[in-house]
Amino acid sequence: MRTDELIQSLTADFRPVSPLSCNRGIIVSLAVGGAVALLLLDFGLGGRMDFGLATHGWSLWVKWLYTAPTCVGAIIAVQALSRPAVTLPSSSFAAILSIVMLASMAASEMSHSAISIWPSLWLGQSWRACTWRILLLSIPIFAAVIWKVRQAAPTRLRLAGAAVGLASAAAAATLYAIGCAETSACFILAWYSLAIAVSATAGALLGPALLRW
């Protein structure tokens, strides 16, 4: 058998897969992981899940203006990186705008506060628990999304892993914000960002091992 005939016989039953199918699968995996994280937050971590009360104040919306665009931008990057030789769309950099906005709010908050209360702005009441709780909530989301991306064809494994870690922690932080009583932009910038950065770093380190195909 000639080489061309062999290749034709091996690929005869292959059918093209729509990129939208992969993208939908990643969104579904994010939702499934998020549902597990929400259950963990409600029953395992004892979060304050009174959504009506949480949305009544401004602090939840400030958190979401940071975490939600970061999650959306990261998941767009995950969708792009799940396929070979695809450049990152500009919309995947939404996280940069959101962190600049939050940093500006934190700077304004400090400028309008006495120096003596700056430590309380950064530490709040739950700084010891915030970061690790978000990281804990990100685990089921990370597992679900990384499993779906592994079924695709990523070639930049470390970058794809970092994007999955970033999306997972940002989604976890979005959920955690519902039960978080902290109101300071400084606190959000410090401890939410730390969790997101640690998760993205872990994803980058684990990417080559978990996404190899």
Protein backbone atom coordinates (compact mmCIF):
# COMPACT_ATOMS: atom_id res chain seq x y z
CA MET A 1 0.00 0.00 0.00
CA ARG A 2 1.28 3.42 -0.93
CA THR A 3 1.73 6.15 1.64
CA ASP A 4 -1.07 8.28 0.16
CA GLU A 5 -3.45 5.34 0.23
CA LEU A 6 -2.51 4.56 3.83
CA ILE A 7 -3.18 8.14 4.89
CA GLN A 8 -6.53 8.11 3.07
CA SER A 9 -7.55 4.86 4.76
CA LEU A 10 -6.62 6.22 8.21
CA THR A 11 -8.53 9.46 7.74
CA ALA A 12 -11.52 8.14 5.80
CA ASP A 13 -13.81 8.13 8.83
CA PHE A 14 -12.67 11.45 10.29
CA ARG A 15 -15.25 14.20 10.47
CA PRO A 16 -14.40 17.87 11.09
CA VAL A 17 -15.33 19.13 14.55
CA SER A 18 -16.78 22.62 14.82
CA PRO A 19 -14.77 25.01 17.04
CA LEU A 20 -18.11 26.06 18.55
CA SER A 21 -18.59 22.53 19.86
CA CYS A 22 -15.32 22.72 21.78
CA ASN A 23 -16.15 26.20 23.06
CA ARG A 24 -19.56 25.07 24.28
CA GLY A 25 -17.98 22.10 26.01
CA ILE A 26 -15.58 24.37 27.90
CA ILE A 27 -18.45 26.62 29.00
CA VAL A 28 -20.44 23.57 30.17
CA SER A 29 -17.44 22.23 32.11
CA LEU A 30 -17.01 25.66 33.74
CA ALA A 31 -20.68 25.63 34.74
CA VAL A 32 -20.48 22.10 36.13
CA GLY A 33 -17.37 22.91 38.15
CA GLY A 34 -18.99 26.15 39.31
CA ALA A 35 -22.07 24.27 40.52
CA VAL A 36 -19.89 21.94 42.60
CA ALA A 37 -17.98 24.94 43.98
CA LEU A 38 -21.25 26.67 44.88
CA LEU A 39 -22.40 23.61 46.81
CA LEU A 40 -19.04 23.50 48.56
CA LEU A 41 -19.34 27.18 49.47
CA ASP A 42 -22.88 26.80 50.76
CA PHE A 43 -22.51 23.57 52.72
CA GLY A 44 -18.77 23.17 53.30
CA LEU A 45 -17.44 26.66 53.94
CA GLY A 46 -20.56 28.14 55.48
CA GLY A 47 -20.82 31.07 53.12
CA ARG A 48 -23.44 33.74 53.61
CA MET A 49 -25.65 32.71 50.71
CA ASP A 50 -28.37 35.35 51.15
CA PHE A 51 -28.17 36.59 47.56
CA GLY A 52 -30.77 39.31 48.07
CA LEU A 53 -28.82 40.76 50.98
CA ALA A 54 -25.53 40.47 49.13
CA THR A 55 -26.76 42.34 46.03
CA HIS A 56 -28.27 45.13 48.10
CA GLY A 57 -24.89 46.68 48.88
CA TRP A 58 -22.28 48.02 46.45
CA SER A 59 -19.38 45.81 47.51
CA LEU A 60 -20.60 42.69 45.68
CA TRP A 61 -20.84 44.61 42.42
CA VAL A 62 -17.32 45.96 42.88
CA LYS A 63 -16.04 42.41 43.36
CA TRP A 64 -17.93 41.20 40.33
CA LEU A 65 -16.68 44.08 38.19
CA TYR A 66 -13.23 42.65 38.90
CA THR A 67 -13.76 38.88 38.96
CA ALA A 68 -16.39 38.44 36.22
CA PRO A 69 -14.47 40.19 33.39
CA THR A 70 -11.33 38.35 34.51
CA CYS A 71 -13.18 35.04 34.28
CA VAL A 72 -14.68 35.88 30.88
CA GLY A 73 -11.35 37.01 29.47
CA ALA A 74 -9.58 33.92 30.80
CA ILE A 75 -12.19 31.49 29.47
CA ILE A 76 -11.94 33.13 26.03
CA ALA A 77 -8.19 32.52 26.23
CA VAL A 78 -8.82 28.89 27.25
CA GLN A 79 -11.09 28.40 24.23
CA ALA A 80 -8.42 29.80 21.91
CA LEU A 81 -5.56 27.85 23.49
CA SER A 82 -7.49 24.56 23.31
CA ARG A 83 -6.75 24.57 19.57
CA PRO A 84 -3.32 24.63 17.92
CA ALA A 85 -1.88 27.71 16.24
CA VAL A 86 -4.61 30.11 17.34
CA THR A 87 -3.69 33.61 18.48
CA LEU A 88 -5.30 35.02 21.60
CA PRO A 89 -8.25 37.33 20.82
CA SER A 90 -8.04 40.85 22.20
CA SER A 91 -11.13 40.20 24.35
CA SER A 92 -9.12 37.71 26.40
CA PHE A 93 -7.22 40.65 27.93
CA ALA A 94 -10.31 42.02 29.70
CA ALA A 95 -8.68 41.13 33.02
CA ILE A 96 -6.13 43.92 32.53
CA LEU A 97 -8.85 46.58 32.41
CA SER A 98 -10.64 45.16 35.43
CA ILE A 99 -7.53 45.08 37.61
CA VAL A 100 -6.61 48.64 36.57
CA MET A 101 -10.11 49.75 37.57
CA LEU A 102 -9.88 47.98 40.93
CA ALA A 103 -6.39 49.34 41.60
CA SER A 104 -7.69 52.85 40.92
CA MET A 105 -10.52 52.30 43.37
CA ALA A 106 -8.09 51.02 46.00
CA ALA A 107 -5.85 54.05 45.52
CA SER A 108 -8.84 56.38 45.86
CA GLU A 109 -9.96 54.51 48.97
CA MET A 110 -6.57 54.97 50.59
CA SER A 111 -6.35 58.62 49.63
CA HIS A 112 -9.64 59.32 51.40
CA SER A 113 -8.72 57.37 54.54
CA ALA A 114 -6.46 58.12 57.46
CA ILE A 115 -3.11 56.33 57.40
CA SER A 116 -3.96 54.68 60.71
CA ILE A 117 -6.75 52.62 59.14
CA TRP A 118 -4.82 51.53 56.04
CA PRO A 119 -3.93 48.13 57.59
CA SER A 120 -7.61 47.40 58.18
CA LEU A 121 -8.40 48.30 54.56
CA TRP A 122 -5.92 45.69 53.33
CA LEU A 123 -6.49 42.99 55.93
CA GLY A 124 -10.18 43.30 56.69
CA GLN A 125 -11.56 40.61 58.98
CA SER A 126 -10.92 37.51 56.88
CA TRP A 127 -7.55 37.89 55.15
CA ARG A 128 -6.27 34.64 56.67
CA ALA A 129 -9.13 32.64 55.13
CA CYS A 130 -9.99 34.47 51.91
CA THR A 131 -7.24 33.29 49.59
CA TRP A 132 -7.26 29.62 50.50
CA ARG A 133 -11.08 29.49 50.37
CA ILE A 134 -11.07 30.83 46.82
CA LEU A 135 -8.34 28.34 45.90
CA LEU A 136 -10.36 25.51 47.43
CA LEU A 137 -13.45 26.54 45.46
CA SER A 138 -11.39 26.72 42.27
CA ILE A 139 -10.34 23.05 42.45
CA PRO A 140 -13.57 21.49 41.06
CA ILE A 141 -13.75 24.18 38.39
CA PHE A 142 -10.13 23.61 37.40
CA ALA A 143 -10.64 19.84 37.27
CA ALA A 144 -13.73 20.12 35.05
CA VAL A 145 -12.21 22.63 32.61
CA ILE A 146 -8.81 20.94 32.38
CA TRP A 147 -10.53 17.63 31.59
CA LYS A 148 -12.38 19.24 28.68
CA VAL A 149 -9.34 21.10 27.36
CA ARG A 150 -7.36 17.84 27.51
CA GLN A 151 -9.88 16.35 25.06
CA ALA A 152 -9.13 19.14 22.58
CA ALA A 153 -5.75 19.79 20.93
CA PRO A 154 -3.77 22.35 22.94
CA THR A 155 -0.17 22.86 21.87
CA ARG A 156 0.96 25.62 24.26
CA LEU A 157 0.42 23.49 27.31
CA ARG A 158 1.91 25.77 29.95
CA LEU A 159 0.03 28.83 28.69
CA ALA A 160 -3.20 26.84 28.38
CA GLY A 161 -2.79 25.54 31.92
CA ALA A 162 -2.23 29.07 33.21
CA ALA A 163 -5.39 30.26 31.43
CA VAL A 164 -7.40 27.42 32.96
CA GLY A 165 -6.04 28.27 36.41
CA LEU A 166 -6.84 31.94 35.90
CA ALA A 167 -10.39 31.21 34.73
CA SER A 168 -10.99 28.74 37.56
CA ALA A 169 -9.90 31.08 40.33
CA ALA A 170 -11.73 34.06 38.82
CA ALA A 171 -14.92 31.97 38.62
CA ALA A 172 -14.39 30.76 42.20
CA ALA A 173 -13.83 34.35 43.37
CA THR A 174 -17.05 35.41 41.63
CA LEU A 175 -18.94 32.78 43.62
CA TYR A 176 -17.07 33.45 46.85
CA ALA A 177 -17.97 37.14 46.60
CA ILE A 178 -21.62 36.24 47.30
CA GLY A 179 -20.67 35.10 50.78
CA CYS A 180 -17.85 37.57 51.44
CA ALA A 181 -18.63 40.36 53.90
CA GLU A 182 -15.51 42.42 53.10
CA THR A 183 -16.18 45.80 51.48
CA SER A 184 -12.73 47.31 50.89
CA ALA A 185 -11.35 47.55 47.35
CA CYS A 186 -7.87 47.21 48.88
CA PHE A 187 -8.84 43.87 50.42
CA ILE A 188 -10.27 42.59 47.13
CA LEU A 189 -7.20 43.73 45.20
CA ALA A 190 -4.84 42.01 47.64
CA TRP A 191 -6.42 38.69 48.56
CA TYR A 192 -8.65 37.93 45.60
CA SER A 193 -5.74 38.73 43.28
CA LEU A 194 -3.39 36.54 45.31
CA ALA A 195 -5.72 33.56 44.91
CA ILE A 196 -6.08 34.19 41.18
CA ALA A 197 -2.31 34.55 40.73
CA VAL A 198 -1.55 31.36 42.70
CA SER A 199 -4.11 29.39 40.68
CA ALA A 200 -2.75 30.67 37.36
CA THR A 201 0.80 29.79 38.44
CA ALA A 202 -0.29 26.30 39.51
CA GLY A 203 -2.04 25.85 36.18
CA ALA A 204 1.11 26.85 34.31
CA LEU A 205 3.17 24.35 36.32
CA LEU A 206 0.65 21.51 35.92
CA GLY A 207 -0.28 22.24 32.30
CA PRO A 208 2.44 20.20 30.58
CA ALA A 209 1.62 17.14 32.71
CA LEU A 210 -2.17 17.39 32.58
CA LEU A 211 -2.66 18.51 28.99
CA ARG A 212 -0.08 16.35 27.20
CA TRP A 213 -1.65 14.37 24.33
